[in-house]
Amino acid sequence: MDVTFYDTVTNKPVLFCDTLKMSNIENTAEETSARGGKGNAKLLSWDFNREATMAVQDALLSTRSFELLSGNKVTSGQAKIHMRQNTVWEMKDTKMTNKGNLFPLKGSGTGEIQLAFTPNETAANILVYLADDDGGTALTGATLTETTLTVAEAANKNVVVYYTYNVDSAETYLITSDAFPSTYKVVGKCIAA
């Protein structure tokens, strides 16, 4: 089903979803009966408390859909990013790019590890783990020169490094306890067989 969400006040569309994996509508109601006469037979039955529930599951989470679901606005600007680096990154078209799992992060013969970004932390506060002990016992004795971290114990070994770095333009999603999503009119379009 393709679904459009409309603002109930302005009646303007606020979100169109054409990448839904699943859409479902369930109707429920309570029923009660008036009984009487010989054998206490049902004289009259009626439904009440009717409720319709619609569930949609989108394959993609967009900024706009997140805003509608949470009731919070997405903010843009400077942010601190938490990094878990376990692969090699390279500069491509003036942008750092992850080369992927085929290129695990590995210490050189002298234990040098090339970080993708300049960390906020000092060398002593950057967490380095052997790849097969991620989150276990951190390696110690690190030194840092710009984006080159040297840890003797990491020589010729696959590692995972945890650190933070700053970016000038990032979207931040903050869910607060005092913001609630609005009510929307939902219009769906599908082919019925």
Protein backbone atom coordinates (compact mmCIF):
# COMPACT_ATOMS: atom_id res chain seq x y z
CA MET A 1 0.00 0.00 0.00
CA ASP A 2 1.14 3.56 -0.68
CA VAL A 3 0.22 5.76 2.28
CA THR A 4 -0.10 9.54 2.61
CA PHE A 5 -0.32 11.21 6.02
CA TYR A 6 -2.31 14.47 6.10
CA ASP A 7 -2.29 17.19 8.76
CA THR A 8 -5.78 17.15 10.33
CA VAL A 9 -5.84 20.96 10.73
CA THR A 10 -4.54 22.16 7.35
CA ASN A 11 -5.47 18.99 5.40
CA LYS A 12 -2.08 19.24 3.66
CA PRO A 13 0.06 16.13 3.05
CA VAL A 14 2.99 15.87 5.47
CA LEU A 15 4.47 12.46 4.53
CA PHE A 16 4.17 10.07 1.59
CA CYS A 17 5.35 6.47 2.03
CA ASP A 18 5.83 4.31 -1.05
CA THR A 19 8.42 1.95 0.43
CA LEU A 20 6.20 0.09 2.90
CA LYS A 21 7.08 -3.52 3.65
CA MET A 22 3.79 -4.23 5.40
CA SER A 23 0.45 -2.51 5.92
CA ASN A 24 -2.40 -3.95 7.97
CA ILE A 25 -5.79 -2.80 9.29
CA GLU A 26 -7.50 -4.56 12.21
CA ASN A 27 -11.06 -3.88 13.36
CA THR A 28 -12.25 -4.92 16.80
CA ALA A 29 -15.51 -4.34 18.66
CA GLU A 30 -17.23 -5.53 21.78
CA GLU A 31 -20.60 -7.19 21.55
CA THR A 32 -23.30 -7.42 24.12
CA SER A 33 -26.73 -9.00 24.05
CA ALA A 34 -30.05 -8.50 25.76
CA ARG A 35 -31.50 -11.83 26.90
CA GLY A 36 -34.88 -12.80 28.17
CA GLY A 37 -37.96 -14.90 27.75
CA LYS A 38 -38.18 -18.70 27.68
CA GLY A 39 -34.74 -20.33 27.85
CA ASN A 40 -33.15 -16.87 28.27
CA ALA A 41 -32.69 -16.52 24.50
CA LYS A 42 -30.88 -13.62 22.84
CA LEU A 43 -33.42 -10.93 22.06
CA LEU A 44 -31.07 -8.32 20.65
CA SER A 45 -27.30 -7.98 20.10
CA TRP A 46 -25.28 -4.85 19.39
CA ASP A 47 -21.66 -3.93 18.83
CA PHE A 48 -19.97 -1.06 20.63
CA ASN A 49 -16.53 0.28 21.45
CA ARG A 50 -15.37 -0.25 17.87
CA GLU A 51 -11.66 0.29 17.28
CA ALA A 52 -9.66 0.22 14.07
CA THR A 53 -5.88 -0.13 14.24
CA MET A 54 -3.64 0.46 11.26
CA ALA A 55 -0.02 -0.71 11.25
CA VAL A 56 2.50 0.19 8.57
CA GLN A 57 6.12 -0.84 8.42
CA ASP A 58 8.39 1.27 6.24
CA ALA A 59 11.65 -0.05 4.81
CA LEU A 60 13.22 3.41 5.15
CA LEU A 61 13.37 5.83 8.07
CA SER A 62 13.45 9.39 6.81
CA THR A 63 14.01 12.54 8.81
CA ARG A 64 10.39 13.54 8.27
CA SER A 65 8.94 10.18 9.34
CA PHE A 66 11.07 10.26 12.49
CA GLU A 67 9.73 13.72 13.32
CA LEU A 68 6.14 12.53 12.87
CA LEU A 69 6.66 9.41 15.00
CA SER A 70 8.42 11.13 17.89
CA GLY A 71 6.79 14.57 17.91
CA ASN A 72 10.28 16.11 18.06
CA LYS A 73 12.06 18.20 15.46
CA VAL A 74 15.37 17.05 14.02
CA THR A 75 18.09 19.63 14.63
CA SER A 76 21.02 20.33 12.32
CA GLY A 77 24.38 21.75 13.29
CA GLN A 78 27.59 20.87 15.08
CA ALA A 79 27.59 17.54 16.92
CA LYS A 80 29.87 15.09 18.68
CA ILE A 81 29.86 11.73 16.88
CA HIS A 82 30.60 8.46 18.71
CA MET A 83 32.76 6.31 16.46
CA ARG A 84 33.33 2.56 16.49
CA GLN A 85 35.98 2.02 13.85
CA ASN A 86 36.74 -1.55 12.84
CA THR A 87 37.52 -0.99 9.13
CA VAL A 88 39.84 1.10 7.01
CA TRP A 89 38.55 4.48 5.83
CA GLU A 90 39.89 6.48 2.88
CA MET A 91 39.47 9.97 1.44
CA LYS A 92 37.24 9.84 -1.66
CA ASP A 93 35.97 13.01 -3.37
CA THR A 94 36.90 15.19 -0.34
CA LYS A 95 34.93 12.90 1.99
CA MET A 96 36.05 10.12 4.32
CA THR A 97 34.53 6.83 3.16
CA ASN A 98 34.35 3.45 4.87
CA LYS A 99 36.01 0.79 2.67
CA GLY A 100 33.87 -1.94 4.25
CA ASN A 101 34.30 -5.22 6.09
CA LEU A 102 36.71 -6.59 3.48
CA PHE A 103 39.26 -4.10 4.86
CA PRO A 104 39.49 -4.66 8.63
CA LEU A 105 41.34 -2.10 10.75
CA LYS A 106 44.76 -3.53 11.50
CA GLY A 107 47.78 -2.30 13.40
CA SER A 108 50.98 -1.98 11.36
CA GLY A 109 54.15 -3.89 12.26
CA THR A 110 54.91 -1.19 14.84
CA GLY A 111 51.30 -0.93 16.10
CA GLU A 112 50.24 2.18 14.17
CA ILE A 113 46.48 2.44 13.61
CA GLN A 114 45.11 5.00 11.15
CA LEU A 115 41.94 6.62 12.52
CA ALA A 116 39.36 8.02 10.10
CA PHE A 117 38.85 11.27 12.04
CA THR A 118 40.70 13.41 14.59
CA PRO A 119 39.56 12.19 18.02
CA ASN A 120 38.42 14.49 20.83
CA GLU A 121 40.03 12.27 23.45
CA THR A 122 43.64 11.96 24.46
CA ALA A 123 45.41 8.70 23.59
CA ALA A 124 44.86 7.34 27.11
CA ASN A 125 41.07 7.77 26.75
CA ILE A 126 40.68 6.13 23.34
CA LEU A 127 39.52 2.54 23.75
CA VAL A 128 41.33 -0.04 21.60
CA TYR A 129 40.34 -3.72 21.60
CA LEU A 130 41.54 -6.71 19.66
CA ALA A 131 38.81 -7.53 17.12
CA ASP A 132 38.11 -10.92 18.70
CA ASP A 133 37.84 -9.31 22.18
CA ASP A 134 35.65 -6.29 21.33
CA GLY A 135 34.48 -4.73 24.61
CA GLY A 136 36.70 -7.07 26.65
CA THR A 137 40.13 -5.97 27.85
CA ALA A 138 41.28 -2.66 26.37
CA LEU A 139 44.85 -2.38 25.09
CA THR A 140 46.98 0.16 26.93
CA GLY A 141 50.04 2.32 26.30
CA ALA A 142 48.69 4.29 23.33
CA THR A 143 50.21 7.44 21.84
CA LEU A 144 48.45 9.76 19.40
CA THR A 145 49.77 12.01 16.63
CA GLU A 146 46.87 13.71 14.77
CA THR A 147 44.95 10.66 13.40
CA THR A 148 47.67 8.06 13.92
CA LEU A 149 47.23 6.04 17.09
CA THR A 150 50.12 3.79 18.11
CA VAL A 151 49.56 0.81 20.40
CA ALA A 152 52.44 -1.69 20.58
CA GLU A 153 50.08 -4.60 21.47
CA ALA A 154 48.10 -3.98 18.24
CA ALA A 155 51.04 -4.78 15.94
CA ASN A 156 49.83 -6.91 13.01
CA LYS A 157 46.45 -7.53 14.71
CA ASN A 158 42.89 -6.62 13.75
CA VAL A 159 41.50 -4.04 16.16
CA VAL A 160 38.37 -2.07 17.04
CA VAL A 161 38.76 1.54 18.19
CA TYR A 162 36.17 3.64 20.08
CA TYR A 163 36.47 7.44 20.11
CA THR A 164 34.49 10.63 19.47
CA TYR A 165 35.00 13.40 16.92
CA ASN A 166 33.21 16.64 16.01
CA VAL A 167 31.39 17.45 12.79
CA ASP A 168 30.04 20.83 11.68
CA SER A 169 26.85 19.56 10.05
CA ALA A 170 24.94 16.63 11.49
CA GLU A 171 21.28 15.82 12.07
CA THR A 172 20.52 15.08 15.71
CA TYR A 173 17.46 13.08 16.74
CA LEU A 174 16.49 13.81 20.34
CA ILE A 175 13.40 12.19 21.82
CA THR A 176 12.05 14.13 24.80
CA SER A 177 9.44 13.09 27.35
CA ASP A 178 7.32 16.21 26.86
CA ALA A 179 6.74 15.98 23.09
CA PHE A 180 4.07 13.74 21.59
CA PRO A 181 3.19 12.98 17.97
CA SER A 182 0.16 14.70 16.46
CA THR A 183 -2.92 13.06 14.97
CA TYR A 184 -2.92 12.53 11.21
CA LYS A 185 -5.41 11.46 8.59
CA VAL A 186 -4.06 8.42 6.75
CA VAL A 187 -5.00 7.68 3.14
CA GLY A 188 -3.84 4.42 1.62
CA LYS A 189 -3.87 3.28 -1.98
CA CYS A 190 -3.46 -0.36 -2.99
CA ILE A 191 -4.51 -2.94 -5.53
CA ALA A 192 -7.05 -5.43 -4.20
CA ALA A 193 -7.20 -8.82 -5.86
